[in-house]
Amino acid sequence: MLGPKKTMLTTVSHHSPGEVLKNFRAIQKLRIELPGGELGVEDGVLLRWKAEFGSTLESCVILGAAAHVNPEAEREKKVNKFEFGRSWFSQNRSDDRVVPETTDNVLFPSEDDSGSLPESFYTNGGLKLRVVWTISSLIAASARHFLLQQIISEHPTLKNLVLMDTDGQGMLCMGKEQLEDFRHKPLAASASANRTQVPALNMKLWYAPYLELPGGTGLKGATLVAIKPSDQPVRKEVDGFIAGAFEEPFKTAVSLLSKRRTYFLEMNSF
């Protein structure tokens, strides 16, 4: 009996979620897990997003970092490199310059940690990279939202829907009221792709050059972006959504970042 069951699962895995669910009735809660995230990021880069949708985007939070590191491993690697450099310098120097006696200055480059964005953030492409992360995450979220049309229309009893991926990269959430909103309002599709149109947005951005997280890891160039449509009033629920968007250790990262200086941005509909 194990053989046929495995064959059946293999066949089903090639169908869309709508096809798989067509024989089910009275579904109230549904959680769909995609085989992987849509966003291709370089090794070591952290990018996570969570979005709420009704008929359109209601809120989104994005956590990104240039590197998710283990400080002890980084320290050991850089100390070894430092010791090699000091040994080479001692053997080859031709003057009386003093060889540094500590490695503190080579472990993590010092940056302005006052809460302000460093000047280099604007000149070395740091801000541009964060904008790319934001747009890419919104496109991924709106594409997932667009794909849910068939499932939502065919399952009127659905009260809670979550669409995530095995990489833990992104999560789209819809509750009872949001699903009703989706069913009764026309979907604004993007003219350029199979995704929902992203409305004009107001965004808050927080940045830290380095954050230490529970479990001994850290984030370099940590960035938090909170997003809502420009035409929607600020809701208290949004603060709760941001605070609870991710599990530990990233929940701590969100808490630490949200206490820092806030930067405001706007984005046109696309």
Protein backbone atom coordinates (compact mmCIF):
# COMPACT_ATOMS: atom_id res chain seq x y z
CA MET A 1 0.00 0.00 0.00
CA LEU A 2 2.94 2.36 0.52
CA GLY A 3 3.89 2.21 -3.14
CA PRO A 4 0.57 3.48 -4.59
CA LYS A 5 0.30 6.20 -1.92
CA LYS A 6 3.72 7.56 -2.80
CA THR A 7 2.81 7.57 -6.48
CA MET A 8 -0.42 9.42 -5.77
CA LEU A 9 1.34 12.11 -3.73
CA THR A 10 3.91 12.58 -6.47
CA THR A 11 1.13 13.11 -9.01
CA VAL A 12 -0.81 15.50 -6.80
CA SER A 13 2.28 17.62 -6.11
CA HIS A 14 2.29 18.75 -9.74
CA HIS A 15 -1.22 20.20 -9.55
CA SER A 16 -2.13 23.71 -8.43
CA PRO A 17 -3.58 24.18 -4.92
CA GLY A 18 -6.96 24.91 -6.50
CA GLU A 19 -7.01 21.51 -8.22
CA VAL A 20 -5.93 19.70 -5.06
CA LEU A 21 -8.67 21.37 -3.00
CA LYS A 22 -11.54 21.09 -5.49
CA ASN A 23 -12.96 17.96 -3.82
CA PHE A 24 -12.95 19.50 -0.34
CA ARG A 25 -15.96 21.28 1.10
CA ALA A 26 -16.57 23.54 4.12
CA ILE A 27 -12.90 24.43 4.60
CA GLN A 28 -12.54 27.06 7.33
CA LYS A 29 -8.79 27.25 7.87
CA LEU A 30 -6.19 26.70 5.20
CA ARG A 31 -2.41 26.86 5.30
CA ILE A 32 -0.51 26.44 2.03
CA GLU A 33 3.25 25.95 1.98
CA LEU A 34 5.18 26.64 -1.20
CA PRO A 35 8.37 24.62 -1.90
CA GLY A 36 10.55 27.74 -1.62
CA GLY A 37 10.65 31.52 -1.56
CA GLU A 38 10.50 33.54 -4.77
CA LEU A 39 13.31 35.93 -3.90
CA GLY A 40 16.85 34.98 -4.85
CA VAL A 41 19.25 36.43 -2.29
CA GLU A 42 22.98 36.04 -1.89
CA ASP A 43 24.39 33.64 0.69
CA GLY A 44 24.30 35.11 4.17
CA VAL A 45 21.75 37.82 3.32
CA LEU A 46 18.58 37.78 5.43
CA LEU A 47 15.23 38.75 3.92
CA ARG A 48 11.86 38.05 5.57
CA TRP A 49 8.43 39.53 4.90
CA LYS A 50 4.88 39.19 6.18
CA ALA A 51 1.87 40.78 4.54
CA GLU A 52 -1.87 41.13 5.21
CA PHE A 53 -4.27 41.40 2.29
CA GLY A 54 -7.96 41.99 1.78
CA SER A 55 -8.89 42.91 -1.78
CA THR A 56 -5.54 44.71 -1.82
CA LEU A 57 -2.49 45.13 0.42
CA GLU A 58 -3.39 46.24 3.96
CA SER A 59 -0.01 46.05 5.69
CA CYS A 60 3.42 44.56 5.22
CA VAL A 61 6.56 44.29 7.33
CA ILE A 62 9.98 43.46 5.92
CA LEU A 63 13.11 42.52 7.86
CA GLY A 64 16.39 42.51 5.98
CA ALA A 65 20.09 42.37 6.79
CA ALA A 66 23.26 42.41 4.73
CA ALA A 67 24.46 39.40 6.72
CA HIS A 68 23.14 37.05 9.40
CA VAL A 69 26.30 36.11 11.27
CA ASN A 70 27.67 34.12 14.17
CA PRO A 71 29.86 36.63 16.05
CA GLU A 72 32.12 33.97 17.55
CA ALA A 73 32.80 32.42 14.15
CA GLU A 74 33.42 35.88 12.68
CA ARG A 75 35.72 36.74 15.56
CA GLU A 76 37.77 33.55 15.18
CA LYS A 77 38.07 34.02 11.42
CA LYS A 78 39.12 37.65 11.68
CA VAL A 79 41.50 37.04 14.59
CA ASN A 80 43.26 34.32 12.60
CA LYS A 81 43.54 36.69 9.64
CA PHE A 82 44.80 39.44 11.94
CA GLU A 83 47.42 37.19 13.55
CA PHE A 84 48.67 36.11 10.13
CA GLY A 85 48.97 39.74 9.06
CA ARG A 86 50.80 40.70 12.24
CA SER A 87 53.23 37.79 11.83
CA TRP A 88 53.94 38.74 8.23
CA PHE A 89 54.37 42.40 9.19
CA SER A 90 56.79 41.50 12.01
CA GLN A 91 58.95 39.48 9.64
CA ASN A 92 58.96 41.98 6.81
CA ARG A 93 58.81 45.46 8.34
CA SER A 94 61.73 47.76 7.64
CA ASP A 95 60.96 50.52 10.15
CA ASP A 96 60.00 50.96 13.78
CA ARG A 97 56.21 51.05 13.40
CA VAL A 98 54.41 49.37 16.28
CA VAL A 99 52.38 46.27 15.53
CA PRO A 100 48.85 46.47 17.00
CA GLU A 101 48.45 44.39 20.15
CA THR A 102 44.67 43.86 20.02
CA THR A 103 42.14 42.64 17.48
CA ASP A 104 39.16 44.71 18.63
CA ASN A 105 39.43 47.10 15.71
CA VAL A 106 39.25 44.34 13.09
CA LEU A 107 36.35 42.28 14.46
CA PHE A 108 33.49 44.50 13.32
CA PRO A 109 34.03 47.79 11.46
CA SER A 110 32.86 50.70 13.58
CA GLU A 111 29.82 52.64 12.34
CA ASP A 112 27.73 55.45 13.71
CA ASP A 113 25.29 53.70 16.04
CA SER A 114 23.38 56.81 17.10
CA GLY A 115 20.29 55.66 15.22
CA SER A 116 20.99 57.90 12.24
CA LEU A 117 21.71 56.52 8.81
CA PRO A 118 25.47 56.79 8.14
CA GLU A 119 26.58 58.85 5.16
CA SER A 120 27.94 55.70 3.55
CA PHE A 121 24.38 54.30 3.53
CA TYR A 122 23.53 56.78 0.76
CA THR A 123 26.80 56.58 -1.18
CA ASN A 124 27.62 52.86 -1.21
CA GLY A 125 24.25 51.63 -2.46
CA GLY A 126 22.89 50.64 0.96
CA LEU A 127 19.65 52.60 0.63
CA LYS A 128 19.16 51.47 -2.98
CA LEU A 129 19.57 47.84 -1.89
CA ARG A 130 16.87 48.26 0.78
CA VAL A 131 14.51 49.74 -1.79
CA VAL A 132 15.15 46.73 -4.03
CA TRP A 133 14.41 44.38 -1.12
CA THR A 134 11.16 46.24 -0.43
CA ILE A 135 9.93 46.24 -4.03
CA SER A 136 10.90 42.59 -4.53
CA SER A 137 9.06 41.53 -1.37
CA LEU A 138 5.93 43.47 -2.36
CA ILE A 139 5.96 41.92 -5.83
CA ALA A 140 6.28 38.43 -4.32
CA ALA A 141 3.42 39.11 -1.89
CA SER A 142 1.11 40.57 -4.55
CA ALA A 143 1.82 37.64 -6.89
CA ARG A 144 0.82 35.17 -4.18
CA HIS A 145 -2.33 37.21 -3.50
CA PHE A 146 -3.28 37.11 -7.18
CA LEU A 147 -2.93 33.31 -7.28
CA LEU A 148 -5.44 32.86 -4.45
CA GLN A 149 -8.46 34.04 -6.48
CA GLN A 150 -9.67 30.57 -7.45
CA ILE A 151 -9.27 29.11 -3.97
CA ILE A 152 -11.12 31.96 -2.26
CA SER A 153 -13.97 32.06 -4.78
CA GLU A 154 -14.50 28.28 -4.64
CA HIS A 155 -14.42 28.02 -0.84
CA PRO A 156 -16.90 30.54 0.63
CA THR A 157 -16.63 28.99 4.12
CA LEU A 158 -12.94 29.89 4.36
CA LYS A 159 -12.23 32.12 7.39
CA ASN A 160 -8.46 32.00 7.68
CA LEU A 161 -5.83 31.63 4.97
CA VAL A 162 -2.04 31.56 5.21
CA LEU A 163 0.33 31.17 2.27
CA MET A 164 3.97 30.64 3.23
CA ASP A 165 7.10 28.86 1.96
CA THR A 166 9.52 26.24 3.28
CA ASP A 167 12.39 28.76 3.28
CA GLY A 168 10.54 30.95 5.79
CA GLN A 169 11.02 33.88 3.43
CA GLY A 170 7.51 35.23 3.18
CA MET A 171 4.03 34.82 4.66
CA LEU A 172 0.71 36.13 3.32
CA CYS A 173 -2.21 36.21 5.78
CA MET A 174 -5.95 36.76 5.34
CA GLY A 175 -8.58 36.66 8.09
CA LYS A 176 -12.37 36.40 7.90
CA GLU A 177 -13.06 40.09 7.21
CA GLN A 178 -10.22 40.30 4.70
CA LEU A 179 -11.51 37.25 2.82
CA GLU A 180 -14.98 38.82 2.67
CA ASP A 181 -13.42 42.03 1.37
CA PHE A 182 -11.61 40.01 -1.29
CA ARG A 183 -14.84 38.31 -2.41
CA HIS A 184 -16.93 41.47 -2.67
CA LYS A 185 -14.51 43.98 -4.18
CA PRO A 186 -12.99 43.81 -7.66
CA LEU A 187 -9.35 42.79 -7.69
CA ALA A 188 -7.00 45.44 -9.09
CA ALA A 189 -4.57 43.47 -11.21
CA SER A 190 -1.22 44.84 -12.33
CA ALA A 191 -1.07 45.55 -16.05
CA SER A 192 2.44 44.13 -16.36
CA ALA A 193 2.23 40.79 -14.57
CA ASN A 194 0.05 38.16 -12.91
CA ARG A 195 -0.13 39.91 -9.58
CA THR A 196 -2.33 42.30 -7.64
CA GLN A 197 -1.58 45.98 -8.11
CA VAL A 198 0.33 47.46 -5.19
CA PRO A 199 -1.33 50.73 -4.02
CA ALA A 200 0.50 53.96 -3.20
CA LEU A 201 2.32 53.38 0.07
CA ASN A 202 3.60 55.09 3.19
CA MET A 203 6.61 53.41 4.74
CA LYS A 204 8.61 53.61 7.95
CA LEU A 205 12.22 52.47 7.95
CA TRP A 206 14.54 51.67 10.86
CA TYR A 207 18.23 50.79 10.57
CA ALA A 208 21.04 49.51 12.80
CA PRO A 209 24.62 48.79 11.69
CA TYR A 210 24.65 45.72 13.95
CA LEU A 211 22.16 43.92 16.19
CA GLU A 212 22.94 41.14 18.64
CA LEU A 213 20.18 38.51 18.73
CA PRO A 214 19.16 35.75 21.15
CA GLY A 215 21.02 32.51 20.51
CA GLY A 216 24.36 34.13 19.84
CA THR A 217 23.80 35.34 16.27
CA GLY A 218 23.76 38.88 14.91
CA LEU A 219 22.55 41.00 12.00
CA LYS A 220 24.81 43.34 10.06
CA GLY A 221 23.08 46.25 8.36
CA ALA A 222 19.73 45.33 9.91
CA THR A 223 16.72 47.07 8.36
CA LEU A 224 13.03 47.03 9.26
CA VAL A 225 10.37 48.42 6.92
CA ALA A 226 6.71 48.81 7.92
CA ILE A 227 4.29 49.49 5.07
CA LYS A 228 0.66 50.54 4.71
CA PRO A 229 -1.42 52.05 1.89
CA SER A 230 -1.33 55.85 1.79
CA ASP A 231 -5.12 56.16 1.87
CA GLN A 232 -5.57 54.07 5.01
CA PRO A 233 -5.54 55.62 8.50
CA VAL A 234 -3.00 54.36 11.02
CA ARG A 235 -4.49 51.46 12.99
CA LYS A 236 -3.31 50.23 16.39
CA GLU A 237 -3.57 46.68 15.06
CA VAL A 238 -0.74 47.45 12.65
CA ASP A 239 1.68 47.93 15.56
CA GLY A 240 0.71 44.52 16.88
CA PHE A 241 1.11 43.02 13.41
CA ILE A 242 4.64 44.43 13.16
CA ALA A 243 5.65 43.26 16.64
CA GLY A 244 4.37 39.73 16.05
CA ALA A 245 5.40 39.34 12.43
CA PHE A 246 8.30 36.96 13.02
CA GLU A 247 9.43 34.25 15.41
CA GLU A 248 12.59 34.50 17.50
CA PRO A 249 15.32 35.52 17.10
CA PHE A 250 13.90 37.92 14.50
CA LYS A 251 11.09 39.05 16.81
CA THR A 252 13.77 40.57 19.04
CA ALA A 253 15.35 42.25 16.00
CA VAL A 254 12.01 43.91 15.18
CA SER A 255 11.61 45.10 18.78
CA LEU A 256 15.12 46.57 18.91
CA LEU A 257 14.87 48.25 15.51
CA SER A 258 11.46 49.81 16.17
CA LYS A 259 12.93 51.72 19.14
CA ARG A 260 15.47 53.47 16.95
CA ARG A 261 15.12 56.59 14.83
CA THR A 262 12.30 56.37 12.28
CA TYR A 263 12.64 57.39 8.63
CA PHE A 264 9.58 58.02 6.47
CA LEU A 265 9.32 57.14 2.78
CA GLU A 266 6.61 57.09 0.13
CA MET A 267 6.15 54.87 -2.90
CA ASN A 268 3.82 55.23 -5.88
CA SER A 269 1.44 52.50 -6.95
CA PHE A 270 2.91 49.87 -9.25
